[in-house]
Amino acid sequence: MPRQLRRWGPPLLLISPSIILMAVFVYGLLAANAQTSMTDIHTAAQATGRAPSSFVWFDNYVALLGTEAFQHSLKNLLLYTVVFLAGTMFFGFLWAWLLDRPVRFEGVFRSIYLFPMAVSFVASGVVWRWLLNSNQGEQASGLNRLFQIVGLDFLQNNWWNNVDVGIAAIAIPAIWQLSGYVMALFLAGFRGIPEEHREAARVDGATEWQLYRHVLFPQLGPVALSAVIIVGHMSLKAFDLIMAISKPANYQTKVPAIDMYVFKSSFDYANSAAVGSILLVIVAALIIPYLIHITRTEKSK
């Protein structure tokens, strides 16, 4: 038996089931989705094979990207991602910074911040649907009623029913749920910095602000990048929370994932697959540079 075969044969045999499963159920299905997106399967008859279908290449993508409705979905996705990312990064870092300082009952506060992660988006969406109710005045409920009670009536608004920025309201419960996760990442980053670095900075006369700005914050860069990538790709795939709050899907809260679901429900498999491919490209544009950065960083060590 050749030496190379004896060396690599057993490891390849061991991981071959995983390779086969990934090849079929990941890359194989991605290829099938891409193929479907380039066909003209837009009706139930075509989807079931009772009517002929043909290959149209990139016509579906051009048609989709040229429609005002899908452009609105992409705009909503961008707005949702920006608000979601900014909120989770701000509150996650703030809570981690507060817990990094000596506080009593740290474990209790950490559990409180992390608890929302244990709740499913669908379950929390049912509650937030009531909290973000658009009724105002005598019919006010949820947050609008709270603002009315405390005398902040000017803060009442129609939340997710706003056509232009309604999707930003959906980001509020998402921030509530994921900020604890970002906090855990930053807190682990804080705790991973050797205490000697802090002591050396204090001996050199650094104030607490200078300590965080010049010593601790720069070392949290990889953690912040990881948090942005993880939270960012989660926001791009937002579906269940939006459907739980605004179901049936409304124009003001429509994102590409909702479009994909609606197309699939109406047997428009081609456009549904095209939306899925567009989302894949967007996620890849976010993830691939991160993977390249990680690879280069590991090689430079």
C-alpha atoms as a PDB file:
ATOM      1  CA  MET A   1       0.000   0.000   0.000  1.00  0.00           C
ATOM      2  CA  PRO A   2       1.452   3.422  -0.937  1.00  0.00           C
ATOM      3  CA  ARG A   3       2.693   5.488   1.982  1.00  0.00           C
ATOM      4  CA  GLN A   4       0.372   8.422   1.225  1.00  0.00           C
ATOM      5  CA  LEU A   5      -2.662   6.136   1.150  1.00  0.00           C
ATOM      6  CA  ARG A   6      -1.707   4.589   4.492  1.00  0.00           C
ATOM      7  CA  ARG A   7      -1.224   8.073   5.929  1.00  0.00           C
ATOM      8  CA  TRP A   8      -4.384   9.779   4.665  1.00  0.00           C
ATOM      9  CA  GLY A   9      -6.686   6.804   4.107  1.00  0.00           C
ATOM     10  CA  PRO A  10      -7.939   6.253   7.695  1.00  0.00           C
ATOM     11  CA  PRO A  11      -8.596   9.980   8.429  1.00  0.00           C
ATOM     12  CA  LEU A  12     -10.453  10.407   5.127  1.00  0.00           C
ATOM     13  CA  LEU A  13     -12.471   7.269   5.795  1.00  0.00           C
ATOM     14  CA  LEU A  14     -13.359   8.604   9.237  1.00  0.00           C
ATOM     15  CA  ILE A  15     -14.668  11.954   7.988  1.00  0.00           C
ATOM     16  CA  SER A  16     -16.151  10.662   4.735  1.00  0.00           C
ATOM     17  CA  PRO A  17     -19.732  10.398   6.135  1.00  0.00           C
ATOM     18  CA  SER A  18     -19.635  14.093   7.074  1.00  0.00           C
ATOM     19  CA  ILE A  19     -18.169  15.021   3.690  1.00  0.00           C
ATOM     20  CA  ILE A  20     -20.887  13.078   1.867  1.00  0.00           C
ATOM     21  CA  LEU A  21     -23.680  14.581   3.969  1.00  0.00           C
ATOM     22  CA  MET A  22     -22.364  18.118   3.445  1.00  0.00           C
ATOM     23  CA  ALA A  23     -21.894  17.523  -0.263  1.00  0.00           C
ATOM     24  CA  VAL A  24     -25.495  16.346  -0.646  1.00  0.00           C
ATOM     25  CA  PHE A  25     -27.467  18.399   1.873  1.00  0.00           C
ATOM     26  CA  VAL A  26     -25.483  21.655   1.811  1.00  0.00           C
ATOM     27  CA  TYR A  27     -23.681  22.180  -1.478  1.00  0.00           C
ATOM     28  CA  GLY A  28     -25.998  19.904  -3.435  1.00  0.00           C
ATOM     29  CA  LEU A  29     -29.088  21.780  -2.243  1.00  0.00           C
ATOM     30  CA  LEU A  30     -27.385  25.118  -2.875  1.00  0.00           C
ATOM     31  CA  ALA A  31     -26.751  24.016  -6.452  1.00  0.00           C
ATOM     32  CA  ALA A  32     -30.361  22.836  -6.808  1.00  0.00           C
ATOM     33  CA  ASN A  33     -31.598  26.169  -5.455  1.00  0.00           C
ATOM     34  CA  ALA A  34     -29.412  28.073  -7.918  1.00  0.00           C
ATOM     35  CA  GLN A  35     -30.723  25.946 -10.780  1.00  0.00           C
ATOM     36  CA  THR A  36     -34.348  26.513  -9.741  1.00  0.00           C
ATOM     37  CA  SER A  37     -33.755  30.273  -9.530  1.00  0.00           C
ATOM     38  CA  MET A  38     -32.821  30.267 -13.231  1.00  0.00           C
ATOM     39  CA  THR A  39     -36.057  28.639 -14.401  1.00  0.00           C
ATOM     40  CA  ASP A  40     -39.529  30.070 -15.086  1.00  0.00           C
ATOM     41  CA  ILE A  41     -41.350  27.986 -12.461  1.00  0.00           C
ATOM     42  CA  HIS A  42     -43.883  30.583 -11.254  1.00  0.00           C
ATOM     43  CA  THR A  43     -47.119  28.565 -11.023  1.00  0.00           C
ATOM     44  CA  ALA A  44     -48.435  25.528  -9.195  1.00  0.00           C
ATOM     45  CA  ALA A  45     -48.799  23.667 -12.482  1.00  0.00           C
ATOM     46  CA  GLN A  46     -45.124  24.175 -13.307  1.00  0.00           C
ATOM     47  CA  ALA A  47     -44.078  23.365  -9.740  1.00  0.00           C
ATOM     48  CA  THR A  48     -45.869  20.010  -9.892  1.00  0.00           C
ATOM     49  CA  GLY A  49     -44.647  19.182 -13.400  1.00  0.00           C
ATOM     50  CA  ARG A  50     -48.074  19.501 -15.044  1.00  0.00           C
ATOM     51  CA  ALA A  51     -46.878  22.411 -17.176  1.00  0.00           C
ATOM     52  CA  PRO A  52     -43.572  22.833 -18.987  1.00  0.00           C
ATOM     53  CA  SER A  53     -40.790  25.009 -17.616  1.00  0.00           C
ATOM     54  CA  SER A  54     -37.675  26.409 -19.236  1.00  0.00           C
ATOM     55  CA  PHE A  55     -34.284  27.845 -18.336  1.00  0.00           C
ATOM     56  CA  VAL A  56     -34.238  31.662 -18.236  1.00  0.00           C
ATOM     57  CA  TRP A  57     -30.781  32.251 -16.741  1.00  0.00           C
ATOM     58  CA  PHE A  58     -30.663  35.505 -14.730  1.00  0.00           C
ATOM     59  CA  ASP A  59     -34.005  36.960 -15.842  1.00  0.00           C
ATOM     60  CA  ASN A  60     -35.575  36.324 -12.432  1.00  0.00           C
ATOM     61  CA  TYR A  61     -32.800  38.193 -10.636  1.00  0.00           C
ATOM     62  CA  VAL A  62     -33.062  41.175 -12.980  1.00  0.00           C
ATOM     63  CA  ALA A  63     -36.846  41.273 -12.628  1.00  0.00           C
ATOM     64  CA  LEU A  64     -36.694  40.975  -8.839  1.00  0.00           C
ATOM     65  CA  LEU A  65     -34.052  43.645  -8.319  1.00  0.00           C
ATOM     66  CA  GLY A  66     -35.943  45.950 -10.653  1.00  0.00           C
ATOM     67  CA  THR A  67     -39.218  45.863  -8.718  1.00  0.00           C
ATOM     68  CA  GLU A  68     -40.057  48.562  -6.164  1.00  0.00           C
ATOM     69  CA  ALA A  69     -41.432  45.947  -3.758  1.00  0.00           C
ATOM     70  CA  PHE A  70     -38.177  43.980  -3.542  1.00  0.00           C
ATOM     71  CA  GLN A  71     -36.123  47.169  -3.354  1.00  0.00           C
ATOM     72  CA  HIS A  72     -38.295  48.132  -0.382  1.00  0.00           C
ATOM     73  CA  SER A  73     -37.521  44.751   1.195  1.00  0.00           C
ATOM     74  CA  LEU A  74     -33.784  45.315   0.738  1.00  0.00           C
ATOM     75  CA  LYS A  75     -34.084  48.811   2.227  1.00  0.00           C
ATOM     76  CA  ASN A  76     -35.970  47.360   5.195  1.00  0.00           C
ATOM     77  CA  LEU A  77     -33.290  44.709   5.621  1.00  0.00           C
ATOM     78  CA  LEU A  78     -30.559  47.359   5.639  1.00  0.00           C
ATOM     79  CA  LEU A  79     -32.413  49.516   8.171  1.00  0.00           C
ATOM     80  CA  TYR A  80     -33.179  46.521  10.390  1.00  0.00           C
ATOM     81  CA  THR A  81     -29.551  45.360  10.265  1.00  0.00           C
ATOM     82  CA  VAL A  82     -28.146  48.802  11.118  1.00  0.00           C
ATOM     83  CA  VAL A  83     -30.496  49.351  14.079  1.00  0.00           C
ATOM     84  CA  PHE A  84     -30.100  45.762  15.290  1.00  0.00           C
ATOM     85  CA  LEU A  85     -26.303  45.854  15.073  1.00  0.00           C
ATOM     86  CA  ALA A  86     -25.979  49.289  16.676  1.00  0.00           C
ATOM     87  CA  GLY A  87     -28.344  48.406  19.525  1.00  0.00           C
ATOM     88  CA  THR A  88     -26.867  45.026  20.396  1.00  0.00           C
ATOM     89  CA  MET A  89     -23.288  46.290  20.210  1.00  0.00           C
ATOM     90  CA  PHE A  90     -24.033  49.341  22.356  1.00  0.00           C
ATOM     91  CA  PHE A  91     -26.025  47.613  25.095  1.00  0.00           C
ATOM     92  CA  GLY A  92     -23.932  44.438  25.000  1.00  0.00           C
ATOM     93  CA  PHE A  93     -20.725  46.397  25.461  1.00  0.00           C
ATOM     94  CA  LEU A  94     -22.271  48.673  28.101  1.00  0.00           C
ATOM     95  CA  TRP A  95     -23.448  45.743  30.221  1.00  0.00           C
ATOM     96  CA  ALA A  96     -20.114  43.943  29.844  1.00  0.00           C
ATOM     97  CA  TRP A  97     -18.259  47.099  30.861  1.00  0.00           C
ATOM     98  CA  LEU A  98     -20.458  47.532  33.932  1.00  0.00           C
ATOM     99  CA  LEU A  99     -20.082  43.890  34.955  1.00  0.00           C
ATOM    100  CA  ASP A 100     -16.318  44.033  34.425  1.00  0.00           C
ATOM    101  CA  ARG A 101     -16.170  46.511  37.268  1.00  0.00           C
ATOM    102  CA  PRO A 102     -16.586  45.070  40.796  1.00  0.00           C
ATOM    103  CA  VAL A 103     -20.338  44.788  41.427  1.00  0.00           C
ATOM    104  CA  ARG A 104     -22.382  42.845  43.916  1.00  0.00           C
ATOM    105  CA  PHE A 105     -24.622  40.058  42.650  1.00  0.00           C
ATOM    106  CA  GLU A 106     -22.807  39.916  39.312  1.00  0.00           C
ATOM    107  CA  GLY A 107     -24.128  36.422  38.660  1.00  0.00           C
ATOM    108  CA  VAL A 108     -27.713  37.624  39.107  1.00  0.00           C
ATOM    109  CA  PHE A 109     -27.288  40.521  36.679  1.00  0.00           C
ATOM    110  CA  ARG A 110     -25.503  38.296  34.179  1.00  0.00           C
ATOM    111  CA  SER A 111     -28.378  35.812  34.292  1.00  0.00           C
ATOM    112  CA  ILE A 112     -30.943  38.576  33.850  1.00  0.00           C
ATOM    113  CA  TYR A 113     -29.149  39.922  30.783  1.00  0.00           C
ATOM    114  CA  LEU A 114     -28.726  36.447  29.277  1.00  0.00           C
ATOM    115  CA  PHE A 115     -32.266  35.232  30.022  1.00  0.00           C
ATOM    116  CA  PRO A 116     -33.901  36.713  26.869  1.00  0.00           C
ATOM    117  CA  MET A 117     -31.673  34.449  24.762  1.00  0.00           C
ATOM    118  CA  ALA A 118     -33.526  31.442  26.195  1.00  0.00           C
ATOM    119  CA  VAL A 119     -36.829  32.724  24.797  1.00  0.00           C
ATOM    120  CA  SER A 120     -37.685  31.862  21.223  1.00  0.00           C
ATOM    121  CA  PHE A 121     -38.236  34.683  18.752  1.00  0.00           C
ATOM    122  CA  VAL A 122     -41.776  33.445  18.149  1.00  0.00           C
ATOM    123  CA  ALA A 123     -42.690  33.480  21.854  1.00  0.00           C
ATOM    124  CA  SER A 124     -41.185  36.920  22.451  1.00  0.00           C
ATOM    125  CA  GLY A 125     -42.756  38.171  19.225  1.00  0.00           C
ATOM    126  CA  VAL A 126     -46.230  37.410  20.579  1.00  0.00           C
ATOM    127  CA  VAL A 127     -45.542  39.567  23.646  1.00  0.00           C
ATOM    128  CA  TRP A 128     -43.842  42.354  21.697  1.00  0.00           C
ATOM    129  CA  ARG A 129     -46.736  42.443  19.240  1.00  0.00           C
ATOM    130  CA  TRP A 130     -48.867  43.699  22.132  1.00  0.00           C
ATOM    131  CA  LEU A 131     -46.154  45.972  23.532  1.00  0.00           C
ATOM    132  CA  LEU A 132     -45.667  47.620  20.131  1.00  0.00           C
ATOM    133  CA  ASN A 133     -49.392  48.080  19.540  1.00  0.00           C
ATOM    134  CA  SER A 134     -50.089  51.159  17.453  1.00  0.00           C
ATOM    135  CA  ASN A 135     -53.281  52.201  19.286  1.00  0.00           C
ATOM    136  CA  GLN A 136     -53.052  55.670  20.826  1.00  0.00           C
ATOM    137  CA  GLY A 137     -55.233  57.933  22.943  1.00  0.00           C
ATOM    138  CA  GLU A 138     -57.998  56.211  24.894  1.00  0.00           C
ATOM    139  CA  GLN A 139     -57.349  52.959  23.039  1.00  0.00           C
ATOM    140  CA  ALA A 140     -53.622  52.966  23.835  1.00  0.00           C
ATOM    141  CA  SER A 141     -52.009  49.760  25.056  1.00  0.00           C
ATOM    142  CA  GLY A 142     -48.520  48.370  25.493  1.00  0.00           C
ATOM    143  CA  LEU A 143     -45.701  50.905  25.371  1.00  0.00           C
ATOM    144  CA  ASN A 144     -48.009  53.657  24.144  1.00  0.00           C
ATOM    145  CA  ARG A 145     -50.140  53.178  27.266  1.00  0.00           C
ATOM    146  CA  LEU A 146     -47.010  53.269  29.439  1.00  0.00           C
ATOM    147  CA  PHE A 147     -45.910  56.546  27.858  1.00  0.00           C
ATOM    148  CA  GLN A 148     -49.401  57.907  28.436  1.00  0.00           C
ATOM    149  CA  ILE A 149     -49.320  56.974  32.130  1.00  0.00           C
ATOM    150  CA  VAL A 150     -45.929  58.578  32.803  1.00  0.00           C
ATOM    151  CA  GLY A 151     -46.821  61.744  30.888  1.00  0.00           C
ATOM    152  CA  LEU A 152     -44.649  61.116  27.822  1.00  0.00           C
ATOM    153  CA  ASP A 153     -47.482  61.174  25.312  1.00  0.00           C
ATOM    154  CA  PHE A 154     -45.217  62.666  22.636  1.00  0.00           C
ATOM    155  CA  LEU A 155     -43.356  59.339  22.490  1.00  0.00           C
ATOM    156  CA  GLN A 156     -46.468  57.461  21.365  1.00  0.00           C
ATOM    157  CA  ASN A 157     -46.283  56.289  17.765  1.00  0.00           C
ATOM    158  CA  ASN A 158     -47.547  53.581  15.461  1.00  0.00           C
ATOM    159  CA  TRP A 159     -44.380  51.467  15.837  1.00  0.00           C
ATOM    160  CA  TRP A 160     -44.132  48.710  13.216  1.00  0.00           C
ATOM    161  CA  ASN A 161     -47.142  50.047  11.313  1.00  0.00           C
ATOM    162  CA  ASN A 162     -45.035  52.978  10.097  1.00  0.00           C
ATOM    163  CA  VAL A 163     -44.490  52.465   6.357  1.00  0.00           C
ATOM    164  CA  ASP A 164     -41.057  54.099   6.223  1.00  0.00           C
ATOM    165  CA  VAL A 165     -39.309  52.991   9.434  1.00  0.00           C
ATOM    166  CA  GLY A 166     -41.654  50.361  10.872  1.00  0.00           C
ATOM    167  CA  ILE A 167     -39.012  47.660  10.509  1.00  0.00           C
ATOM    168  CA  ALA A 168     -36.811  49.580  12.968  1.00  0.00           C
ATOM    169  CA  ALA A 169     -39.417  48.907  15.677  1.00  0.00           C
ATOM    170  CA  ILE A 170     -39.060  45.170  15.030  1.00  0.00           C
ATOM    171  CA  ALA A 171     -35.357  45.560  15.854  1.00  0.00           C
ATOM    172  CA  ILE A 172     -36.232  46.594  19.442  1.00  0.00           C
ATOM    173  CA  PRO A 173     -37.225  43.073  20.619  1.00  0.00           C
ATOM    174  CA  ALA A 174     -34.298  41.633  18.631  1.00  0.00           C
ATOM    175  CA  ILE A 175     -31.933  43.948  20.510  1.00  0.00           C
ATOM    176  CA  TRP A 176     -33.567  42.913  23.795  1.00  0.00           C
ATOM    177  CA  GLN A 177     -32.941  39.252  23.007  1.00  0.00           C
ATOM    178  CA  LEU A 178     -29.407  39.377  21.596  1.00  0.00           C
ATOM    179  CA  SER A 179     -27.733  42.086  23.688  1.00  0.00           C
ATOM    180  CA  GLY A 180     -27.051  39.531  26.429  1.00  0.00           C
ATOM    181  CA  TYR A 181     -25.182  37.338  23.971  1.00  0.00           C
ATOM    182  CA  VAL A 182     -22.983  40.240  22.864  1.00  0.00           C
ATOM    183  CA  MET A 183     -22.463  41.092  26.532  1.00  0.00           C
ATOM    184  CA  ALA A 184     -21.177  37.559  27.150  1.00  0.00           C
ATOM    185  CA  LEU A 185     -18.717  37.899  24.261  1.00  0.00           C
ATOM    186  CA  PHE A 186     -17.366  41.231  25.475  1.00  0.00           C
ATOM    187  CA  LEU A 187     -17.277  40.086  29.087  1.00  0.00           C
ATOM    188  CA  ALA A 188     -15.234  37.044  28.070  1.00  0.00           C
ATOM    189  CA  GLY A 189     -12.935  39.415  26.182  1.00  0.00           C
ATOM    190  CA  PHE A 190     -12.512  41.626  29.252  1.00  0.00           C
ATOM    191  CA  ARG A 191     -11.823  38.631  31.486  1.00  0.00           C
ATOM    192  CA  GLY A 192      -9.318  37.239  28.972  1.00  0.00           C
ATOM    193  CA  ILE A 193      -7.046  40.280  29.295  1.00  0.00           C
ATOM    194  CA  PRO A 194      -4.267  39.531  31.798  1.00  0.00           C
ATOM    195  CA  GLU A 195      -4.522  41.456  35.041  1.00  0.00           C
ATOM    196  CA  GLU A 196      -0.852  42.390  34.656  1.00  0.00           C
ATOM    197  CA  HIS A 197      -1.790  44.735  31.794  1.00  0.00           C
ATOM    198  CA  ARG A 198      -4.147  46.667  34.031  1.00  0.00           C
ATOM    199  CA  GLU A 199      -1.675  46.837  36.888  1.00  0.00           C
ATOM    200  CA  ALA A 200       1.142  48.014  34.619  1.00  0.00           C
ATOM    201  CA  ALA A 201      -1.053  50.798  33.213  1.00  0.00           C
ATOM    202  CA  ARG A 202      -2.057  51.948  36.684  1.00  0.00           C
ATOM    203  CA  VAL A 203       1.567  51.931  37.846  1.00  0.00           C
ATOM    204  CA  ASP A 204       2.389  54.163  34.855  1.00  0.00           C
ATOM    205  CA  GLY A 205      -0.226  56.640  36.096  1.00  0.00           C
ATOM    206  CA  ALA A 206      -3.044  55.867  33.656  1.00  0.00           C
ATOM    207  CA  THR A 207      -6.537  56.908  34.675  1.00  0.00           C
ATOM    208  CA  GLU A 208      -9.419  54.446  34.406  1.00  0.00           C
ATOM    209  CA  TRP A 209     -10.506  56.056  31.130  1.00  0.00           C
ATOM    210  CA  GLN A 210      -6.966  55.867  29.732  1.00  0.00           C
ATOM    211  CA  LEU A 211      -6.724  52.270  30.920  1.00  0.00           C
ATOM    212  CA  TYR A 212      -9.832  51.277  28.967  1.00  0.00           C
ATOM    213  CA  ARG A 213      -9.081  53.444  25.937  1.00  0.00           C
ATOM    214  CA  HIS A 214      -5.429  52.571  25.388  1.00  0.00           C
ATOM    215  CA  VAL A 215      -5.071  49.118  26.990  1.00  0.00           C
ATOM    216  CA  LEU A 216      -8.372  47.238  27.152  1.00  0.00           C
ATOM    217  CA  PHE A 217     -10.418  48.510  24.204  1.00  0.00           C
ATOM    218  CA  PRO A 218      -7.743  47.776  21.542  1.00  0.00           C
ATOM    219  CA  GLN A 219      -7.560  44.161  22.717  1.00  0.00           C
ATOM    220  CA  LEU A 220     -11.318  43.753  22.278  1.00  0.00           C
ATOM    221  CA  GLY A 221     -11.120  44.312  18.512  1.00  0.00           C
ATOM    222  CA  PRO A 222     -11.332  40.599  17.564  1.00  0.00           C
ATOM    223  CA  VAL A 223     -14.274  40.126  19.954  1.00  0.00           C
ATOM    224  CA  ALA A 224     -16.099  43.119  18.475  1.00  0.00           C
ATOM    225  CA  LEU A 225     -15.494  41.843  14.938  1.00  0.00           C
ATOM    226  CA  SER A 226     -16.824  38.394  15.853  1.00  0.00           C
ATOM    227  CA  ALA A 227     -19.906  39.964  17.459  1.00  0.00           C
ATOM    228  CA  VAL A 228     -20.588  42.083  14.369  1.00  0.00           C
ATOM    229  CA  ILE A 229     -20.297  39.071  12.060  1.00  0.00           C
ATOM    230  CA  ILE A 230     -22.501  36.818  14.200  1.00  0.00           C
ATOM    231  CA  VAL A 231     -25.212  39.389  14.890  1.00  0.00           C
ATOM    232  CA  GLY A 232     -25.017  40.767  11.349  1.00  0.00           C
ATOM    233  CA  HIS A 233     -25.635  37.437   9.666  1.00  0.00           C
ATOM    234  CA  MET A 234     -28.485  36.713  12.106  1.00  0.00           C
ATOM    235  CA  SER A 235     -30.162  39.977  11.153  1.00  0.00           C
ATOM    236  CA  LEU A 236     -29.901  39.167   7.448  1.00  0.00           C
ATOM    237  CA  LYS A 237     -31.898  35.968   8.007  1.00  0.00           C
ATOM    238  CA  ALA A 238     -34.603  37.625  10.152  1.00  0.00           C
ATOM    239  CA  PHE A 239     -37.944  35.915   9.645  1.00  0.00           C
ATOM    240  CA  ASP A 240     -39.640  34.355  12.682  1.00  0.00           C
ATOM    241  CA  LEU A 241     -39.622  37.466  14.885  1.00  0.00           C
ATOM    242  CA  ILE A 242     -41.001  39.628  12.089  1.00  0.00           C
ATOM    243  CA  MET A 243     -43.729  37.118  11.261  1.00  0.00           C
ATOM    244  CA  ALA A 244     -44.677  36.730  14.937  1.00  0.00           C
ATOM    245  CA  ILE A 245     -45.117  40.488  15.377  1.00  0.00           C
ATOM    246  CA  SER A 246     -46.567  41.594  12.044  1.00  0.00           C
ATOM    247  CA  LYS A 247     -48.208  38.439  10.655  1.00  0.00           C
ATOM    248  CA  PRO A 248     -49.664  38.421   8.119  1.00  0.00           C
ATOM    249  CA  ALA A 249     -46.595  39.923   6.474  1.00  0.00           C
ATOM    250  CA  ASN A 250     -47.096  43.653   5.959  1.00  0.00           C
ATOM    251  CA  TYR A 251     -45.489  45.888   3.368  1.00  0.00           C
ATOM    252  CA  GLN A 252     -43.889  48.064   6.054  1.00  0.00           C
ATOM    253  CA  THR A 253     -42.058  45.135   7.698  1.00  0.00           C
ATOM    254  CA  LYS A 254     -41.290  43.091   4.591  1.00  0.00           C
ATOM    255  CA  VAL A 255     -37.716  41.791   4.185  1.00  0.00           C
ATOM    256  CA  PRO A 256     -36.258  39.339   1.624  1.00  0.00           C
ATOM    257  CA  ALA A 257     -36.821  36.326   3.883  1.00  0.00           C
ATOM    258  CA  ILE A 258     -40.526  37.222   4.024  1.00  0.00           C
ATOM    259  CA  ASP A 259     -40.589  37.570   0.238  1.00  0.00           C
ATOM    260  CA  MET A 260     -39.033  34.133  -0.103  1.00  0.00           C
ATOM    261  CA  TYR A 261     -41.751  32.641   2.139  1.00  0.00           C
ATOM    262  CA  VAL A 262     -44.553  34.405   0.231  1.00  0.00           C
ATOM    263  CA  PHE A 263     -43.195  33.293  -3.156  1.00  0.00           C
ATOM    264  CA  LYS A 264     -42.866  29.709  -1.910  1.00  0.00           C
ATOM    265  CA  SER A 265     -46.428  29.739  -0.533  1.00  0.00           C
ATOM    266  CA  SER A 266     -47.760  30.773  -3.959  1.00  0.00           C
ATOM    267  CA  PHE A 267     -45.708  28.078  -5.760  1.00  0.00           C
ATOM    268  CA  ASP A 268     -43.437  30.697  -7.336  1.00  0.00           C
ATOM    269  CA  TYR A 269     -40.394  28.492  -6.778  1.00  0.00           C
ATOM    270  CA  ALA A 270     -38.152  30.379  -9.195  1.00  0.00           C
ATOM    271  CA  ASN A 271     -38.466  33.759  -7.466  1.00  0.00           C
ATOM    272  CA  SER A 272     -38.320  32.117  -4.038  1.00  0.00           C
ATOM    273  CA  ALA A 273     -35.039  30.427  -4.962  1.00  0.00           C
ATOM    274  CA  ALA A 274     -33.735  33.664  -6.461  1.00  0.00           C
ATOM    275  CA  VAL A 275     -34.378  35.522  -3.203  1.00  0.00           C
ATOM    276  CA  GLY A 276     -32.588  32.749  -1.318  1.00  0.00           C
ATOM    277  CA  SER A 277     -29.586  33.053  -3.621  1.00  0.00           C
ATOM    278  CA  ILE A 278     -29.496  36.832  -3.168  1.00  0.00           C
ATOM    279  CA  LEU A 279     -29.514  36.381   0.616  1.00  0.00           C
ATOM    280  CA  LEU A 280     -26.713  33.829   0.295  1.00  0.00           C
ATOM    281  CA  VAL A 281     -24.596  36.322  -1.669  1.00  0.00           C
ATOM    282  CA  ILE A 282     -25.227  39.038   0.933  1.00  0.00           C
ATOM    283  CA  VAL A 283     -24.278  36.728   3.810  1.00  0.00           C
ATOM    284  CA  ALA A 284     -21.189  35.527   1.909  1.00  0.00           C
ATOM    285  CA  ALA A 285     -20.127  39.142   1.349  1.00  0.00           C
ATOM    286  CA  LEU A 286     -20.168  39.545   5.125  1.00  0.00           C
ATOM    287  CA  ILE A 287     -18.652  36.220   6.146  1.00  0.00           C
ATOM    288  CA  ILE A 288     -15.892  35.629   3.559  1.00  0.00           C
ATOM    289  CA  PRO A 289     -13.855  38.772   4.409  1.00  0.00           C
ATOM    290  CA  TYR A 290     -14.073  37.760   8.077  1.00  0.00           C
ATOM    291  CA  LEU A 291     -12.786  34.253   7.322  1.00  0.00           C
ATOM    292  CA  ILE A 292      -9.949  35.705   5.225  1.00  0.00           C
ATOM    293  CA  HIS A 293      -9.040  38.040   8.091  1.00  0.00           C
ATOM    294  CA  ILE A 294      -9.036  35.176  10.604  1.00  0.00           C
ATOM    295  CA  THR A 295      -6.876  33.004   8.318  1.00  0.00           C
ATOM    296  CA  ARG A 296      -4.321  35.775   7.803  1.00  0.00           C
ATOM    297  CA  THR A 297      -4.242  36.520  11.519  1.00  0.00           C
ATOM    298  CA  GLU A 298      -3.566  32.865  12.387  1.00  0.00           C
ATOM    299  CA  LYS A 299      -0.816  32.606   9.757  1.00  0.00           C
ATOM    300  CA  SER A 300       0.900  35.731  11.070  1.00  0.00           C
ATOM    301  CA  LYS A 301       1.156  34.309  14.590  1.00  0.00           C
END
